[in-house]
Amino acid sequence: MKRIRTIRDALTWGSRKLDASGNRNPRMDAEVLLAMALSLDRASLFASPETPLDELVRERYIAWIELREKHYPLQYIRGSQEFFGRDFAVAPGLLIPRPETELVVETCLELTAEAERPVECFRILDIGTGTGCIAITLLAEDPSLRAAATDISFSAASTASENARSLLKDPSRLLLFVSDLAGCISLSTRFDLIVSNPPYIGWAESGRVDPSVKLYEPEEALFSGASGFEFFARILRETPRLLAPKGALVIEIGEGQQEPLRKMGISEGWELYSTHQDLAGIPRCMVFSRR
């Protein structure tokens, strides 16, 4: 690899490789990977573009570019993803936190601020927690809250526990359970807020999913079934028993799912409290209450 002698050489080579493979952000990804290989920030790459690369850095960078060339998620290579200003550990087999899910957190924080009860008694249930990004962010943003979180994946619960230990001063404020939805939660337990970012992609839509997502992120965290509404239906049916009086259910949704989900909620005894749009103007988050 004599042509990859310097920072400039590496960025040129990496960008071309990723561009040829159909990567959406070839230059940026090449910069991120080289900065990681050098243990530098991206801005430092441009200070001395003719800096020579040693063999270890070159081999590491080439290996990472070849992974990314196959659409392997950058977050899995890096081992983390920023969410709400915090770095969450991620690993292969776990859903990578998305920027649009930050809207779910913002909505939940608004609801906790409006709550007509002592905030120190406010309890949250996060269903399908994954890396724990929703529950942990809520607890980090408001130290008076308490939360429980479930996930069917032991690996997800383990990573969420790791994130809680690294991001919360008191990780005992989050109770983690390996469970299918909320099946393990006691019938006597009540939550003021139940939140979920469930799988909501239907199999018919799989062709529109980005290759890096479809090939490497867990199917069970992405695809709900034939329609995309299967998990919504289960959550709407199974959570009323766990909701405290005047409590709310917050669900992340996909494009075009707002009206069908509103009707589904009504049929299950729910009332739509509010809908929230993402920065693209797409309804992304719905809040339900019991009638």
C-alpha atoms as a PDB file:
ATOM      1  CA  MET A   1       0.000   0.000   0.000  1.00  0.00           C
ATOM      2  CA  LYS A   2       2.750   2.479  -0.933  1.00  0.00           C
ATOM      3  CA  ARG A   3       0.134   4.905  -2.213  1.00  0.00           C
ATOM      4  CA  ILE A   4      -1.228   5.302   1.320  1.00  0.00           C
ATOM      5  CA  ARG A   5       1.776   6.998   2.881  1.00  0.00           C
ATOM      6  CA  THR A   6       0.260  10.145   4.380  1.00  0.00           C
ATOM      7  CA  ILE A   7      -2.984  11.463   5.854  1.00  0.00           C
ATOM      8  CA  ARG A   8      -3.805  13.015   2.495  1.00  0.00           C
ATOM      9  CA  ASP A   9      -3.195   9.724   0.657  1.00  0.00           C
ATOM     10  CA  ALA A  10      -5.355   7.803   3.114  1.00  0.00           C
ATOM     11  CA  LEU A  11      -8.300  10.181   2.860  1.00  0.00           C
ATOM     12  CA  THR A  12      -8.174  10.219  -0.935  1.00  0.00           C
ATOM     13  CA  TRP A  13      -7.988   6.416  -1.149  1.00  0.00           C
ATOM     14  CA  GLY A  14     -10.657   5.814   1.482  1.00  0.00           C
ATOM     15  CA  SER A  15     -13.084   8.338   0.019  1.00  0.00           C
ATOM     16  CA  ARG A  16     -12.806   6.802  -3.439  1.00  0.00           C
ATOM     17  CA  LYS A  17     -13.335   3.271  -2.112  1.00  0.00           C
ATOM     18  CA  LEU A  18     -16.428   4.252  -0.149  1.00  0.00           C
ATOM     19  CA  ASP A  19     -17.834   6.362  -2.972  1.00  0.00           C
ATOM     20  CA  ALA A  20     -17.496   3.427  -5.377  1.00  0.00           C
ATOM     21  CA  SER A  21     -19.419   1.191  -2.960  1.00  0.00           C
ATOM     22  CA  GLY A  22     -22.366   3.589  -2.828  1.00  0.00           C
ATOM     23  CA  ASN A  23     -21.650   5.019   0.608  1.00  0.00           C
ATOM     24  CA  ARG A  24     -23.746   8.127   1.277  1.00  0.00           C
ATOM     25  CA  ASN A  25     -20.982  10.107   3.011  1.00  0.00           C
ATOM     26  CA  PRO A  26     -17.696   8.720   1.672  1.00  0.00           C
ATOM     27  CA  ARG A  27     -15.443  11.627   2.588  1.00  0.00           C
ATOM     28  CA  MET A  28     -16.846  12.127   6.067  1.00  0.00           C
ATOM     29  CA  ASP A  29     -16.692   8.406   6.885  1.00  0.00           C
ATOM     30  CA  ALA A  30     -13.106   8.200   5.621  1.00  0.00           C
ATOM     31  CA  GLU A  31     -12.208  11.126   7.873  1.00  0.00           C
ATOM     32  CA  VAL A  32     -13.933   9.586  10.900  1.00  0.00           C
ATOM     33  CA  LEU A  33     -12.195   6.241  10.432  1.00  0.00           C
ATOM     34  CA  LEU A  34      -8.760   7.770   9.916  1.00  0.00           C
ATOM     35  CA  ALA A  35      -9.197  10.013  12.947  1.00  0.00           C
ATOM     36  CA  MET A  36     -10.102   6.915  14.977  1.00  0.00           C
ATOM     37  CA  ALA A  37      -7.059   5.030  13.682  1.00  0.00           C
ATOM     38  CA  LEU A  38      -4.825   7.946  14.678  1.00  0.00           C
ATOM     39  CA  SER A  39      -6.677   8.656  17.970  1.00  0.00           C
ATOM     40  CA  LEU A  40      -7.246  12.229  16.826  1.00  0.00           C
ATOM     41  CA  ASP A  41     -10.304  14.388  16.239  1.00  0.00           C
ATOM     42  CA  ARG A  42     -11.333  15.011  12.630  1.00  0.00           C
ATOM     43  CA  ALA A  43     -10.184  18.630  12.659  1.00  0.00           C
ATOM     44  CA  SER A  44      -6.616  17.559  13.454  1.00  0.00           C
ATOM     45  CA  LEU A  45      -6.388  15.647  10.181  1.00  0.00           C
ATOM     46  CA  PHE A  46      -6.224  18.881   8.200  1.00  0.00           C
ATOM     47  CA  ALA A  47      -3.484  20.534  10.230  1.00  0.00           C
ATOM     48  CA  SER A  48      -0.727  18.333   8.766  1.00  0.00           C
ATOM     49  CA  PRO A  49      -2.046  16.424   5.735  1.00  0.00           C
ATOM     50  CA  GLU A  50       1.447  15.243   4.759  1.00  0.00           C
ATOM     51  CA  THR A  51       2.042  13.490   8.086  1.00  0.00           C
ATOM     52  CA  PRO A  52       3.241   9.935   7.353  1.00  0.00           C
ATOM     53  CA  LEU A  53       1.243   6.979   8.695  1.00  0.00           C
ATOM     54  CA  ASP A  54       2.906   4.093  10.487  1.00  0.00           C
ATOM     55  CA  GLU A  55       2.156   0.529   9.482  1.00  0.00           C
ATOM     56  CA  LEU A  56      -0.205  -0.242  12.368  1.00  0.00           C
ATOM     57  CA  VAL A  57      -2.352   2.824  11.691  1.00  0.00           C
ATOM     58  CA  ARG A  58      -2.407   2.063   7.979  1.00  0.00           C
ATOM     59  CA  GLU A  59      -3.491  -1.558   8.503  1.00  0.00           C
ATOM     60  CA  ARG A  60      -6.205  -0.582  10.989  1.00  0.00           C
ATOM     61  CA  TYR A  61      -7.548   2.111   8.680  1.00  0.00           C
ATOM     62  CA  ILE A  62      -7.586  -0.166   5.637  1.00  0.00           C
ATOM     63  CA  ALA A  63      -9.452  -2.868   7.572  1.00  0.00           C
ATOM     64  CA  TRP A  64     -12.068  -0.376   8.722  1.00  0.00           C
ATOM     65  CA  ILE A  65     -12.525   1.092   5.242  1.00  0.00           C
ATOM     66  CA  GLU A  66     -13.047  -2.412   3.860  1.00  0.00           C
ATOM     67  CA  LEU A  67     -15.697  -3.060   6.498  1.00  0.00           C
ATOM     68  CA  ARG A  68     -17.447   0.219   5.762  1.00  0.00           C
ATOM     69  CA  GLU A  69     -17.206  -0.559   2.047  1.00  0.00           C
ATOM     70  CA  LYS A  70     -19.558  -3.478   2.805  1.00  0.00           C
ATOM     71  CA  HIS A  71     -21.944  -1.003   4.513  1.00  0.00           C
ATOM     72  CA  TYR A  72     -20.953  -2.185   7.982  1.00  0.00           C
ATOM     73  CA  PRO A  73     -22.257   0.481  10.399  1.00  0.00           C
ATOM     74  CA  LEU A  74     -19.738   3.082  11.421  1.00  0.00           C
ATOM     75  CA  GLN A  75     -21.185   3.016  14.941  1.00  0.00           C
ATOM     76  CA  TYR A  76     -20.315  -0.673  15.343  1.00  0.00           C
ATOM     77  CA  ILE A  77     -16.730   0.020  14.274  1.00  0.00           C
ATOM     78  CA  ARG A  78     -16.504   2.959  16.661  1.00  0.00           C
ATOM     79  CA  GLY A  79     -18.394   1.156  19.423  1.00  0.00           C
ATOM     80  CA  SER A  80     -20.533   4.147  20.310  1.00  0.00           C
ATOM     81  CA  GLN A  81     -23.200   6.549  19.086  1.00  0.00           C
ATOM     82  CA  GLU A  82     -23.989  10.042  20.338  1.00  0.00           C
ATOM     83  CA  PHE A  83     -27.543  10.538  21.563  1.00  0.00           C
ATOM     84  CA  PHE A  84     -28.822  13.671  23.256  1.00  0.00           C
ATOM     85  CA  GLY A  85     -25.237  14.857  23.752  1.00  0.00           C
ATOM     86  CA  ARG A  86     -24.020  11.636  25.378  1.00  0.00           C
ATOM     87  CA  ASP A  87     -21.990   8.749  23.985  1.00  0.00           C
ATOM     88  CA  PHE A  88     -23.831   5.432  24.269  1.00  0.00           C
ATOM     89  CA  ALA A  89     -21.993   2.157  23.854  1.00  0.00           C
ATOM     90  CA  VAL A  90     -23.327   0.100  20.953  1.00  0.00           C
ATOM     91  CA  ALA A  91     -22.378  -3.336  19.678  1.00  0.00           C
ATOM     92  CA  PRO A  92     -23.264  -5.611  16.763  1.00  0.00           C
ATOM     93  CA  GLY A  93     -26.725  -7.064  17.253  1.00  0.00           C
ATOM     94  CA  LEU A  94     -28.136  -3.927  18.869  1.00  0.00           C
ATOM     95  CA  LEU A  95     -30.247  -1.198  17.309  1.00  0.00           C
ATOM     96  CA  ILE A  96     -28.202   1.968  16.879  1.00  0.00           C
ATOM     97  CA  PRO A  97     -29.808   5.040  18.519  1.00  0.00           C
ATOM     98  CA  ARG A  98     -31.314   7.417  15.956  1.00  0.00           C
ATOM     99  CA  PRO A  99     -31.505  11.230  16.018  1.00  0.00           C
ATOM    100  CA  GLU A 100     -35.292  11.108  15.505  1.00  0.00           C
ATOM    101  CA  THR A 101     -35.669   9.215  18.775  1.00  0.00           C
ATOM    102  CA  GLU A 102     -34.439  12.348  20.567  1.00  0.00           C
ATOM    103  CA  LEU A 103     -37.912  13.748  19.846  1.00  0.00           C
ATOM    104  CA  VAL A 104     -39.363  10.938  21.963  1.00  0.00           C
ATOM    105  CA  VAL A 105     -37.117  11.977  24.864  1.00  0.00           C
ATOM    106  CA  GLU A 106     -38.071  15.640  24.468  1.00  0.00           C
ATOM    107  CA  THR A 107     -41.753  14.697  24.479  1.00  0.00           C
ATOM    108  CA  CYS A 108     -41.328  12.612  27.626  1.00  0.00           C
ATOM    109  CA  LEU A 109     -39.510  15.444  29.393  1.00  0.00           C
ATOM    110  CA  GLU A 110     -42.348  17.817  28.538  1.00  0.00           C
ATOM    111  CA  LEU A 111     -44.842  15.363  30.015  1.00  0.00           C
ATOM    112  CA  THR A 112     -42.860  14.902  33.228  1.00  0.00           C
ATOM    113  CA  ALA A 113     -42.648  18.677  33.612  1.00  0.00           C
ATOM    114  CA  GLU A 114     -46.444  18.971  33.249  1.00  0.00           C
ATOM    115  CA  ALA A 115     -47.231  16.094  35.626  1.00  0.00           C
ATOM    116  CA  GLU A 116     -49.788  16.737  38.339  1.00  0.00           C
ATOM    117  CA  ARG A 117     -47.962  14.691  40.969  1.00  0.00           C
ATOM    118  CA  PRO A 118     -44.741  14.970  42.989  1.00  0.00           C
ATOM    119  CA  VAL A 119     -41.926  14.450  40.510  1.00  0.00           C
ATOM    120  CA  GLU A 120     -39.971  12.344  43.040  1.00  0.00           C
ATOM    121  CA  CYS A 121     -42.748   9.737  42.707  1.00  0.00           C
ATOM    122  CA  PHE A 122     -42.713   9.785  38.896  1.00  0.00           C
ATOM    123  CA  ARG A 123     -41.981   6.346  37.454  1.00  0.00           C
ATOM    124  CA  ILE A 124     -41.223   5.483  33.842  1.00  0.00           C
ATOM    125  CA  LEU A 125     -41.286   2.208  31.910  1.00  0.00           C
ATOM    126  CA  ASP A 126     -39.215   1.943  28.719  1.00  0.00           C
ATOM    127  CA  ILE A 127     -40.326  -1.049  26.615  1.00  0.00           C
ATOM    128  CA  GLY A 128     -37.718  -2.440  24.210  1.00  0.00           C
ATOM    129  CA  THR A 129     -34.923  -0.324  25.638  1.00  0.00           C
ATOM    130  CA  GLY A 130     -32.067  -1.518  23.392  1.00  0.00           C
ATOM    131  CA  THR A 131     -28.973   0.445  24.419  1.00  0.00           C
ATOM    132  CA  GLY A 132     -31.070   2.188  27.063  1.00  0.00           C
ATOM    133  CA  CYS A 133     -30.820   5.525  25.270  1.00  0.00           C
ATOM    134  CA  ILE A 134     -34.374   6.692  26.089  1.00  0.00           C
ATOM    135  CA  ALA A 135     -34.575   5.648  29.736  1.00  0.00           C
ATOM    136  CA  ILE A 136     -31.002   6.632  30.605  1.00  0.00           C
ATOM    137  CA  THR A 137     -31.302  10.021  28.914  1.00  0.00           C
ATOM    138  CA  LEU A 138     -34.512  10.766  30.808  1.00  0.00           C
ATOM    139  CA  LEU A 139     -32.841   9.863  34.101  1.00  0.00           C
ATOM    140  CA  ALA A 140     -29.724  11.872  33.241  1.00  0.00           C
ATOM    141  CA  GLU A 141     -31.776  14.919  32.276  1.00  0.00           C
ATOM    142  CA  ASP A 142     -33.955  14.742  35.408  1.00  0.00           C
ATOM    143  CA  PRO A 143     -32.241  13.187  38.447  1.00  0.00           C
ATOM    144  CA  SER A 144     -35.556  12.981  40.323  1.00  0.00           C
ATOM    145  CA  LEU A 145     -37.033  10.358  37.967  1.00  0.00           C
ATOM    146  CA  ARG A 146     -36.988   6.589  38.369  1.00  0.00           C
ATOM    147  CA  ALA A 147     -37.327   4.056  35.552  1.00  0.00           C
ATOM    148  CA  ALA A 148     -37.646   0.406  34.635  1.00  0.00           C
ATOM    149  CA  ALA A 149     -36.669  -0.866  31.191  1.00  0.00           C
ATOM    150  CA  THR A 150     -37.247  -4.132  29.348  1.00  0.00           C
ATOM    151  CA  ASP A 151     -35.762  -5.834  26.325  1.00  0.00           C
ATOM    152  CA  ILE A 152     -36.120  -9.348  24.985  1.00  0.00           C
ATOM    153  CA  SER A 153     -32.379  -9.424  24.245  1.00  0.00           C
ATOM    154  CA  PHE A 154     -29.963 -10.260  27.056  1.00  0.00           C
ATOM    155  CA  SER A 155     -27.216  -8.546  25.056  1.00  0.00           C
ATOM    156  CA  ALA A 156     -29.281  -5.350  24.882  1.00  0.00           C
ATOM    157  CA  ALA A 157     -29.979  -5.408  28.618  1.00  0.00           C
ATOM    158  CA  SER A 158     -26.279  -5.945  29.307  1.00  0.00           C
ATOM    159  CA  THR A 159     -25.287  -2.988  27.119  1.00  0.00           C
ATOM    160  CA  ALA A 160     -28.000  -0.809  28.650  1.00  0.00           C
ATOM    161  CA  SER A 161     -26.621  -1.698  32.078  1.00  0.00           C
ATOM    162  CA  GLU A 162     -23.133  -0.716  30.919  1.00  0.00           C
ATOM    163  CA  ASN A 163     -24.456   2.613  29.635  1.00  0.00           C
ATOM    164  CA  ALA A 164     -26.312   3.264  32.884  1.00  0.00           C
ATOM    165  CA  ARG A 165     -23.127   2.711  34.881  1.00  0.00           C
ATOM    166  CA  SER A 166     -21.136   5.078  32.673  1.00  0.00           C
ATOM    167  CA  LEU A 167     -23.739   7.823  32.217  1.00  0.00           C
ATOM    168  CA  LEU A 168     -25.689   7.953  35.500  1.00  0.00           C
ATOM    169  CA  LYS A 169     -24.333   9.027  38.864  1.00  0.00           C
ATOM    170  CA  ASP A 170     -26.752   6.561  40.464  1.00  0.00           C
ATOM    171  CA  PRO A 171     -27.380   3.657  38.042  1.00  0.00           C
ATOM    172  CA  SER A 172     -29.649   1.975  40.605  1.00  0.00           C
ATOM    173  CA  ARG A 173     -32.360   4.426  39.491  1.00  0.00           C
ATOM    174  CA  LEU A 174     -32.782   2.191  36.415  1.00  0.00           C
ATOM    175  CA  LEU A 175     -34.099  -1.361  36.838  1.00  0.00           C
ATOM    176  CA  LEU A 176     -33.455  -3.575  33.812  1.00  0.00           C
ATOM    177  CA  PHE A 177     -35.420  -6.699  32.872  1.00  0.00           C
ATOM    178  CA  VAL A 178     -34.992  -9.263  30.102  1.00  0.00           C
ATOM    179  CA  SER A 179     -38.566  -9.665  28.949  1.00  0.00           C
ATOM    180  CA  ASP A 180     -40.873  -9.781  25.946  1.00  0.00           C
ATOM    181  CA  LEU A 181     -42.440  -6.306  26.102  1.00  0.00           C
ATOM    182  CA  ALA A 182     -43.665  -5.843  29.687  1.00  0.00           C
ATOM    183  CA  GLY A 183     -44.540  -9.454  30.424  1.00  0.00           C
ATOM    184  CA  CYS A 184     -42.284  -9.631  33.491  1.00  0.00           C
ATOM    185  CA  ILE A 185     -43.654  -6.500  35.173  1.00  0.00           C
ATOM    186  CA  SER A 186     -45.804  -7.169  38.241  1.00  0.00           C
ATOM    187  CA  LEU A 187     -49.529  -6.582  37.870  1.00  0.00           C
ATOM    188  CA  SER A 188     -49.421  -4.402  40.984  1.00  0.00           C
ATOM    189  CA  THR A 189     -46.868  -1.997  39.497  1.00  0.00           C
ATOM    190  CA  ARG A 190     -48.053   1.273  37.982  1.00  0.00           C
ATOM    191  CA  PHE A 191     -46.103   3.746  35.866  1.00  0.00           C
ATOM    192  CA  ASP A 192     -46.813   7.419  35.237  1.00  0.00           C
ATOM    193  CA  LEU A 193     -45.221   7.235  31.798  1.00  0.00           C
ATOM    194  CA  ILE A 194     -44.726   4.291  29.468  1.00  0.00           C
ATOM    195  CA  VAL A 195     -42.487   4.868  26.447  1.00  0.00           C
ATOM    196  CA  SER A 196     -41.438   2.661  23.560  1.00  0.00           C
ATOM    197  CA  ASN A 197     -39.551   2.801  20.291  1.00  0.00           C
ATOM    198  CA  PRO A 198     -40.775  -0.578  19.017  1.00  0.00           C
ATOM    199  CA  PRO A 199     -40.083  -2.294  15.697  1.00  0.00           C
ATOM    200  CA  TYR A 200     -42.426  -0.613  13.198  1.00  0.00           C
ATOM    201  CA  ILE A 201     -41.187  -1.498   9.702  1.00  0.00           C
ATOM    202  CA  GLY A 202     -43.324  -3.912   7.676  1.00  0.00           C
ATOM    203  CA  TRP A 203     -41.686  -6.634   5.597  1.00  0.00           C
ATOM    204  CA  ALA A 204     -43.011  -5.037   2.408  1.00  0.00           C
ATOM    205  CA  GLU A 205     -40.909  -1.940   3.161  1.00  0.00           C
ATOM    206  CA  SER A 206     -37.645  -3.834   3.600  1.00  0.00           C
ATOM    207  CA  GLY A 207     -36.444  -2.848   0.134  1.00  0.00           C
ATOM    208  CA  ARG A 208     -36.380   0.819   1.161  1.00  0.00           C
ATOM    209  CA  VAL A 209     -34.196   0.214   4.219  1.00  0.00           C
ATOM    210  CA  ASP A 210     -30.587   1.417   4.007  1.00  0.00           C
ATOM    211  CA  PRO A 211     -28.176  -1.505   3.350  1.00  0.00           C
ATOM    212  CA  SER A 212     -26.132  -0.785   6.480  1.00  0.00           C
ATOM    213  CA  VAL A 213     -29.324  -1.122   8.520  1.00  0.00           C
ATOM    214  CA  LYS A 214     -30.864  -4.074   6.698  1.00  0.00           C
ATOM    215  CA  LEU A 215     -27.686  -6.135   6.554  1.00  0.00           C
ATOM    216  CA  TYR A 216     -26.316  -5.625  10.037  1.00  0.00           C
ATOM    217  CA  GLU A 217     -28.809  -4.264  12.567  1.00  0.00           C
ATOM    218  CA  PRO A 218     -31.073  -6.819  14.299  1.00  0.00           C
ATOM    219  CA  GLU A 219     -34.222  -7.719  12.365  1.00  0.00           C
ATOM    220  CA  GLU A 220     -36.188  -8.169  15.578  1.00  0.00           C
ATOM    221  CA  ALA A 221     -35.557  -4.517  16.499  1.00  0.00           C
ATOM    222  CA  LEU A 222     -36.515  -3.208  13.053  1.00  0.00           C
ATOM    223  CA  PHE A 223     -39.270  -5.329  11.531  1.00  0.00           C
ATOM    224  CA  SER A 224     -42.595  -5.716  13.273  1.00  0.00           C
ATOM    225  CA  GLY A 225     -44.118  -8.198  10.852  1.00  0.00           C
ATOM    226  CA  ALA A 226     -46.136  -8.032   7.660  1.00  0.00           C
ATOM    227  CA  SER A 227     -47.873  -4.721   8.380  1.00  0.00           C
ATOM    228  CA  GLY A 228     -45.469  -2.875  10.684  1.00  0.00           C
ATOM    229  CA  PHE A 229     -48.241  -2.471  13.269  1.00  0.00           C
ATOM    230  CA  GLU A 230     -47.904  -5.772  15.117  1.00  0.00           C
ATOM    231  CA  PHE A 231     -45.926  -4.391  18.062  1.00  0.00           C
ATOM    232  CA  PHE A 232     -48.087  -1.273  18.261  1.00  0.00           C
ATOM    233  CA  ALA A 233     -51.125  -3.534  18.679  1.00  0.00           C
ATOM    234  CA  ARG A 234     -49.460  -5.531  21.437  1.00  0.00           C
ATOM    235  CA  ILE A 235     -48.325  -2.430  23.328  1.00  0.00           C
ATOM    236  CA  LEU A 236     -51.766  -0.836  23.139  1.00  0.00           C
ATOM    237  CA  ARG A 237     -53.352  -4.045  24.481  1.00  0.00           C
ATOM    238  CA  GLU A 238     -50.808  -4.949  27.147  1.00  0.00           C
ATOM    239  CA  THR A 239     -49.905  -1.634  28.800  1.00  0.00           C
ATOM    240  CA  PRO A 240     -53.212  -0.326  30.243  1.00  0.00           C
ATOM    241  CA  ARG A 241     -52.808  -2.606  33.283  1.00  0.00           C
ATOM    242  CA  LEU A 242     -49.479  -0.895  34.060  1.00  0.00           C
ATOM    243  CA  LEU A 243     -50.493   2.731  33.591  1.00  0.00           C
ATOM    244  CA  ALA A 244     -51.215   4.921  36.624  1.00  0.00           C
ATOM    245  CA  PRO A 245     -54.254   7.255  36.595  1.00  0.00           C
ATOM    246  CA  LYS A 246     -53.551  10.269  34.361  1.00  0.00           C
ATOM    247  CA  GLY A 247     -50.562   8.416  32.942  1.00  0.00           C
ATOM    248  CA  ALA A 248     -49.408   8.584  29.319  1.00  0.00           C
ATOM    249  CA  LEU A 249     -48.086   6.244  26.647  1.00  0.00           C
ATOM    250  CA  VAL A 250     -45.449   7.648  24.253  1.00  0.00           C
ATOM    251  CA  ILE A 251     -44.656   5.719  21.057  1.00  0.00           C
ATOM    252  CA  GLU A 252     -42.237   6.418  18.219  1.00  0.00           C
ATOM    253  CA  ILE A 253     -43.822   5.798  14.808  1.00  0.00           C
ATOM    254  CA  GLY A 254     -42.838   5.636  11.158  1.00  0.00           C
ATOM    255  CA  GLU A 255     -43.911   7.765   8.226  1.00  0.00           C
ATOM    256  CA  GLY A 256     -47.572   7.301   7.303  1.00  0.00           C
ATOM    257  CA  GLN A 257     -48.488   5.421  10.486  1.00  0.00           C
ATOM    258  CA  GLN A 258     -50.163   8.244  12.400  1.00  0.00           C
ATOM    259  CA  GLU A 259     -53.783   7.837  11.312  1.00  0.00           C
ATOM    260  CA  PRO A 260     -53.939   4.021  11.345  1.00  0.00           C
ATOM    261  CA  LEU A 261     -52.366   4.002  14.801  1.00  0.00           C
ATOM    262  CA  ARG A 262     -54.798   6.643  16.056  1.00  0.00           C
ATOM    263  CA  LYS A 263     -57.705   4.436  14.972  1.00  0.00           C
ATOM    264  CA  MET A 264     -56.064   1.368  16.487  1.00  0.00           C
ATOM    265  CA  GLY A 265     -55.625   3.247  19.753  1.00  0.00           C
ATOM    266  CA  ILE A 266     -59.275   4.292  19.857  1.00  0.00           C
ATOM    267  CA  SER A 267     -60.376   0.703  19.269  1.00  0.00           C
ATOM    268  CA  GLU A 268     -58.293  -0.360  22.303  1.00  0.00           C
ATOM    269  CA  GLY A 269     -59.730   2.312  24.594  1.00  0.00           C
ATOM    270  CA  TRP A 270     -57.023   4.953  24.193  1.00  0.00           C
ATOM    271  CA  GLU A 271     -57.360   8.641  23.402  1.00  0.00           C
ATOM    272  CA  LEU A 272     -54.784  10.540  21.336  1.00  0.00           C
ATOM    273  CA  TYR A 273     -53.273  13.257  23.520  1.00  0.00           C
ATOM    274  CA  SER A 274     -50.763  14.741  21.044  1.00  0.00           C
ATOM    275  CA  THR A 275     -48.644  14.087  17.969  1.00  0.00           C
ATOM    276  CA  HIS A 276     -45.125  15.444  17.441  1.00  0.00           C
ATOM    277  CA  GLN A 277     -43.281  15.974  14.165  1.00  0.00           C
ATOM    278  CA  ASP A 278     -39.574  15.563  13.486  1.00  0.00           C
ATOM    279  CA  LEU A 279     -37.414  18.205  11.777  1.00  0.00           C
ATOM    280  CA  ALA A 280     -38.577  16.965   8.364  1.00  0.00           C
ATOM    281  CA  GLY A 281     -42.208  17.575   9.333  1.00  0.00           C
ATOM    282  CA  ILE A 282     -42.980  13.850   9.594  1.00  0.00           C
ATOM    283  CA  PRO A 283     -45.188  12.721  12.514  1.00  0.00           C
ATOM    284  CA  ARG A 284     -42.689  10.735  14.562  1.00  0.00           C
ATOM    285  CA  CYS A 285     -44.085  10.479  18.060  1.00  0.00           C
ATOM    286  CA  MET A 286     -47.601   9.944  19.438  1.00  0.00           C
ATOM    287  CA  VAL A 287     -48.854  10.339  22.993  1.00  0.00           C
ATOM    288  CA  PHE A 288     -51.896   8.382  24.203  1.00  0.00           C
ATOM    289  CA  SER A 289     -53.897   8.497  27.424  1.00  0.00           C
ATOM    290  CA  ARG A 290     -56.688   6.261  28.712  1.00  0.00           C
ATOM    291  CA  ARG A 291     -60.226   7.427  28.138  1.00  0.00           C
END
